[in-house]
N, C-alpha and C. Protein backbone atom coordinates (compact mmCIF):
# COMPACT_ATOMS: atom_id res chain seq x y z
N MET A 1 79.49 96.16 108.50
CA MET A 1 80.04 96.35 107.16
C MET A 1 80.78 95.09 106.76
N SER A 2 80.58 94.68 105.56
CA SER A 2 81.23 93.47 105.08
C SER A 2 82.17 93.81 103.94
N ILE A 3 83.37 93.27 104.02
CA ILE A 3 84.36 93.52 102.97
C ILE A 3 84.43 92.28 102.08
N GLU A 4 84.46 92.51 100.80
CA GLU A 4 84.50 91.40 99.84
C GLU A 4 85.93 91.12 99.41
N ARG A 5 86.12 89.95 98.87
CA ARG A 5 87.47 89.52 98.46
C ARG A 5 88.09 90.47 97.44
N LYS A 6 87.27 90.98 96.50
CA LYS A 6 87.79 91.91 95.49
C LYS A 6 88.34 93.17 96.16
N GLU A 7 87.69 93.62 97.23
CA GLU A 7 88.16 94.81 97.94
C GLU A 7 89.49 94.53 98.65
N VAL A 8 89.61 93.34 99.23
CA VAL A 8 90.86 92.96 99.88
C VAL A 8 91.97 92.88 98.84
N GLU A 9 91.67 92.29 97.69
CA GLU A 9 92.66 92.20 96.62
C GLU A 9 93.08 93.59 96.14
N HIS A 10 92.11 94.50 96.05
CA HIS A 10 92.42 95.87 95.62
C HIS A 10 93.30 96.58 96.66
N LEU A 11 92.98 96.42 97.93
CA LEU A 11 93.81 97.01 98.99
C LEU A 11 95.23 96.44 98.96
N ALA A 12 95.33 95.14 98.74
CA ALA A 12 96.65 94.51 98.65
C ALA A 12 97.43 95.07 97.47
N LEU A 13 96.75 95.27 96.35
CA LEU A 13 97.40 95.83 95.17
C LEU A 13 97.89 97.26 95.45
N LEU A 14 97.04 98.07 96.06
CA LEU A 14 97.43 99.44 96.39
C LEU A 14 98.59 99.48 97.38
N SER A 15 98.61 98.51 98.29
CA SER A 15 99.67 98.44 99.30
C SER A 15 100.92 97.74 98.80
N ARG A 16 100.81 97.18 97.60
CA ARG A 16 101.91 96.41 97.01
C ARG A 16 102.30 95.23 97.91
N ILE A 17 101.26 94.53 98.38
CA ILE A 17 101.45 93.35 99.22
C ILE A 17 100.90 92.15 98.47
N GLY A 18 101.71 91.12 98.36
CA GLY A 18 101.25 89.91 97.70
C GLY A 18 100.72 88.92 98.72
N PHE A 19 99.48 88.49 98.54
CA PHE A 19 98.85 87.53 99.44
C PHE A 19 98.54 86.24 98.69
N SER A 20 98.71 85.12 99.36
CA SER A 20 98.25 83.85 98.80
C SER A 20 96.73 83.79 98.97
N ASP A 21 96.09 82.79 98.37
CA ASP A 21 94.63 82.66 98.50
C ASP A 21 94.21 82.49 99.96
N GLU A 22 95.00 81.71 100.71
CA GLU A 22 94.68 81.51 102.13
C GLU A 22 94.81 82.81 102.92
N GLU A 23 95.84 83.59 102.59
CA GLU A 23 96.04 84.86 103.29
C GLU A 23 94.93 85.86 102.94
N LEU A 24 94.49 85.86 101.69
CA LEU A 24 93.39 86.74 101.30
C LEU A 24 92.12 86.38 102.07
N GLU A 25 91.87 85.11 102.20
CA GLU A 25 90.68 84.66 102.95
C GLU A 25 90.78 85.07 104.42
N ARG A 26 91.98 84.90 104.99
CA ARG A 26 92.18 85.28 106.39
C ARG A 26 92.04 86.79 106.58
N MET A 27 92.56 87.58 105.62
CA MET A 27 92.44 89.03 105.71
C MET A 27 90.98 89.46 105.63
N GLU A 28 90.23 88.78 104.78
CA GLU A 28 88.80 89.07 104.64
C GLU A 28 88.10 88.89 105.99
N LYS A 29 88.41 87.77 106.66
CA LYS A 29 87.80 87.47 107.96
C LYS A 29 88.31 88.39 109.05
N THR A 30 89.57 88.85 108.93
CA THR A 30 90.17 89.71 109.95
C THR A 30 89.67 91.14 109.83
N LEU A 31 89.53 91.62 108.60
CA LEU A 31 89.14 93.01 108.39
C LEU A 31 87.67 93.27 108.72
N ASP A 32 86.80 92.28 108.54
CA ASP A 32 85.38 92.47 108.82
C ASP A 32 85.11 92.96 110.24
N PRO A 33 85.61 92.27 111.28
CA PRO A 33 85.33 92.74 112.64
C PRO A 33 85.94 94.12 112.92
N ILE A 34 87.09 94.40 112.32
CA ILE A 34 87.72 95.71 112.53
C ILE A 34 86.85 96.80 111.95
N LEU A 35 86.39 96.60 110.72
CA LEU A 35 85.53 97.60 110.07
C LEU A 35 84.19 97.75 110.79
N ASP A 36 83.65 96.64 111.31
CA ASP A 36 82.42 96.71 112.09
C ASP A 36 82.62 97.56 113.34
N TYR A 37 83.75 97.38 114.01
CA TYR A 37 84.05 98.14 115.22
C TYR A 37 84.21 99.63 114.90
N VAL A 38 84.91 99.94 113.81
CA VAL A 38 85.08 101.34 113.41
C VAL A 38 83.71 101.94 113.09
N GLY A 39 82.86 101.16 112.45
CA GLY A 39 81.51 101.62 112.16
C GLY A 39 80.73 101.93 113.43
N ARG A 40 80.89 101.09 114.44
CA ARG A 40 80.23 101.34 115.74
C ARG A 40 80.79 102.59 116.39
N LEU A 41 82.09 102.78 116.30
CA LEU A 41 82.71 103.97 116.90
C LEU A 41 82.22 105.25 116.24
N SER A 42 81.98 105.20 114.94
CA SER A 42 81.55 106.40 114.23
C SER A 42 80.14 106.83 114.64
N LYS A 43 79.39 105.93 115.27
CA LYS A 43 78.03 106.25 115.70
C LYS A 43 77.97 106.76 117.14
N VAL A 44 79.10 106.75 117.84
CA VAL A 44 79.12 107.20 119.24
C VAL A 44 78.87 108.71 119.29
N ASP A 45 77.97 109.12 120.17
CA ASP A 45 77.66 110.54 120.33
C ASP A 45 78.75 111.20 121.18
N VAL A 46 79.51 112.09 120.57
CA VAL A 46 80.58 112.78 121.29
C VAL A 46 80.25 114.25 121.50
N GLN A 47 78.98 114.58 121.31
CA GLN A 47 78.52 115.96 121.52
C GLN A 47 78.80 116.37 122.97
N GLY A 48 79.49 117.46 123.14
CA GLY A 48 79.77 117.96 124.48
C GLY A 48 81.03 117.39 125.11
N VAL A 49 81.70 116.45 124.46
CA VAL A 49 82.94 115.90 124.99
C VAL A 49 84.08 116.82 124.58
N ALA A 50 84.85 117.25 125.57
CA ALA A 50 85.94 118.20 125.29
C ALA A 50 87.04 117.52 124.49
N GLU A 51 87.64 118.29 123.60
CA GLU A 51 88.76 117.79 122.81
C GLU A 51 89.96 117.58 123.73
N TYR A 52 90.78 116.58 123.43
CA TYR A 52 91.95 116.28 124.25
C TYR A 52 92.94 117.44 124.25
N GLN A 53 93.43 117.79 125.42
CA GLN A 53 94.44 118.83 125.56
C GLN A 53 95.58 118.28 126.40
N ASP A 54 96.82 118.58 126.00
CA ASP A 54 97.98 118.18 126.81
C ASP A 54 97.94 118.90 128.14
N GLU A 55 98.18 118.15 129.21
CA GLU A 55 98.24 118.76 130.54
C GLU A 55 99.46 119.65 130.67
N GLU A 56 100.60 119.17 130.17
CA GLU A 56 101.86 119.90 130.25
C GLU A 56 102.38 120.11 128.83
N PRO A 57 102.01 121.20 128.18
CA PRO A 57 102.49 121.40 126.81
C PRO A 57 104.02 121.43 126.75
N GLY A 58 104.56 120.81 125.72
CA GLY A 58 106.00 120.85 125.52
C GLY A 58 106.75 119.70 126.15
N LEU A 59 106.07 118.86 126.92
CA LEU A 59 106.78 117.74 127.54
C LEU A 59 107.03 116.61 126.55
N GLY A 60 106.16 116.47 125.55
CA GLY A 60 106.25 115.34 124.65
C GLY A 60 107.40 115.41 123.65
N LEU A 61 107.70 116.58 123.13
CA LEU A 61 108.71 116.70 122.10
C LEU A 61 109.86 117.58 122.58
N ARG A 62 111.06 117.20 122.16
CA ARG A 62 112.20 118.05 122.49
C ARG A 62 112.37 119.09 121.40
N ALA A 63 113.04 120.15 121.72
CA ALA A 63 113.29 121.19 120.73
C ALA A 63 114.29 120.68 119.71
N ASP A 64 114.09 121.03 118.46
CA ASP A 64 115.00 120.64 117.40
C ASP A 64 116.05 121.74 117.26
N VAL A 65 117.22 121.47 117.84
CA VAL A 65 118.27 122.47 117.90
C VAL A 65 119.45 122.01 117.05
N PRO A 66 119.95 122.89 116.18
CA PRO A 66 121.10 122.50 115.37
C PRO A 66 122.32 122.23 116.23
N SER A 67 123.16 121.33 115.76
CA SER A 67 124.33 120.93 116.52
C SER A 67 125.61 121.28 115.78
N ASP A 68 126.68 121.53 116.51
CA ASP A 68 127.98 121.82 115.91
C ASP A 68 128.69 120.56 115.45
N CYS A 69 128.20 119.39 115.84
CA CYS A 69 128.92 118.15 115.56
C CYS A 69 128.54 117.53 114.22
N GLU A 70 127.83 118.26 113.36
CA GLU A 70 127.38 117.70 112.10
C GLU A 70 128.54 117.16 111.26
N GLU A 71 129.62 117.91 111.15
CA GLU A 71 130.77 117.46 110.37
C GLU A 71 131.40 116.21 110.98
N ASP A 72 131.46 116.15 112.31
CA ASP A 72 132.01 114.97 112.98
C ASP A 72 131.18 113.73 112.67
N VAL A 73 129.86 113.88 112.74
CA VAL A 73 128.97 112.75 112.47
C VAL A 73 129.12 112.31 111.02
N LYS A 74 129.17 113.25 110.10
CA LYS A 74 129.35 112.93 108.69
C LYS A 74 130.66 112.17 108.47
N HIS A 75 131.71 112.63 109.11
CA HIS A 75 133.01 111.98 108.98
C HIS A 75 132.97 110.55 109.54
N ILE A 76 132.34 110.37 110.67
CA ILE A 76 132.26 109.03 111.30
C ILE A 76 131.47 108.08 110.40
N ILE A 77 130.35 108.58 109.85
CA ILE A 77 129.54 107.72 108.98
C ILE A 77 130.33 107.34 107.74
N LEU A 78 130.96 108.31 107.10
CA LEU A 78 131.75 108.03 105.90
C LEU A 78 132.89 107.07 106.20
N GLU A 79 133.52 107.25 107.34
CA GLU A 79 134.65 106.40 107.71
C GLU A 79 134.24 104.95 107.91
N ASN A 80 133.02 104.73 108.40
CA ASN A 80 132.57 103.38 108.74
C ASN A 80 131.69 102.72 107.67
N PHE A 81 131.31 103.46 106.63
CA PHE A 81 130.43 102.90 105.62
C PHE A 81 131.23 101.99 104.70
N PRO A 82 130.70 100.81 104.37
CA PRO A 82 131.49 99.84 103.60
C PRO A 82 131.76 100.22 102.15
N ASP A 83 130.87 100.96 101.50
CA ASP A 83 131.08 101.27 100.09
C ASP A 83 130.75 102.74 99.86
N LYS A 84 131.73 103.50 99.42
CA LYS A 84 131.51 104.93 99.21
C LYS A 84 132.28 105.39 97.98
N LEU A 85 131.85 106.51 97.44
CA LEU A 85 132.50 107.14 96.30
C LEU A 85 132.66 108.61 96.67
N GLY A 86 133.85 108.99 97.09
CA GLY A 86 134.06 110.35 97.59
C GLY A 86 133.28 110.54 98.88
N ASP A 87 132.42 111.55 98.90
CA ASP A 87 131.58 111.79 100.07
C ASP A 87 130.19 111.18 99.93
N ALA A 88 129.97 110.36 98.90
CA ALA A 88 128.66 109.74 98.67
C ALA A 88 128.68 108.29 99.13
N LEU A 89 127.60 107.89 99.76
CA LEU A 89 127.46 106.50 100.19
C LEU A 89 126.86 105.71 99.03
N ARG A 90 127.48 104.59 98.69
CA ARG A 90 126.99 103.75 97.59
C ARG A 90 126.17 102.61 98.17
N VAL A 91 124.96 102.47 97.64
CA VAL A 91 124.06 101.40 98.07
C VAL A 91 123.56 100.67 96.83
N PRO A 92 123.10 99.43 96.98
CA PRO A 92 122.57 98.70 95.83
C PRO A 92 121.38 99.43 95.22
N GLY A 93 121.26 99.38 93.89
CA GLY A 93 120.13 100.00 93.22
C GLY A 93 118.83 99.29 93.56
N VAL A 94 117.78 100.05 93.63
CA VAL A 94 116.48 99.48 93.96
C VAL A 94 115.71 99.15 92.69
N PHE A 95 115.77 100.03 91.71
CA PHE A 95 114.98 99.85 90.49
C PHE A 95 115.79 99.24 89.35
N GLU A 96 117.08 99.45 89.35
CA GLU A 96 117.93 98.89 88.31
C GLU A 96 118.62 97.65 88.86
N ASN A 97 118.55 96.55 88.15
CA ASN A 97 119.18 95.30 88.54
C ASN A 97 118.81 94.87 89.96
N PRO A 98 117.51 94.78 90.28
CA PRO A 98 117.14 94.36 91.64
C PRO A 98 117.60 92.93 91.91
N LYS A 99 118.01 92.71 93.13
CA LYS A 99 118.43 91.36 93.53
C LYS A 99 117.24 90.60 94.07
N GLY A 100 117.20 89.32 93.83
CA GLY A 100 116.15 88.46 94.38
C GLY A 100 114.93 88.60 93.61
């Protein structure tokens, strides 16, 4: 599978990534082998191959248990945050008056 420059430009636009002409050319050359490999993988016959199963279920993730220390954590964060208004943390605006 071959990817064209317009497709790379479109992907960059969707990703909100700005590329120079050299970077676009490099991405074109980099993405081609990756897409070729994915294309080869899609042709592999996996008929009869068992789906992956965890050997020890439950070992990977810990239980999400509520904690009594929530107020303490909130207090510590508020105490150490450089700019706050009451119990709200103040951060620079992203969409209004962007810096840089």
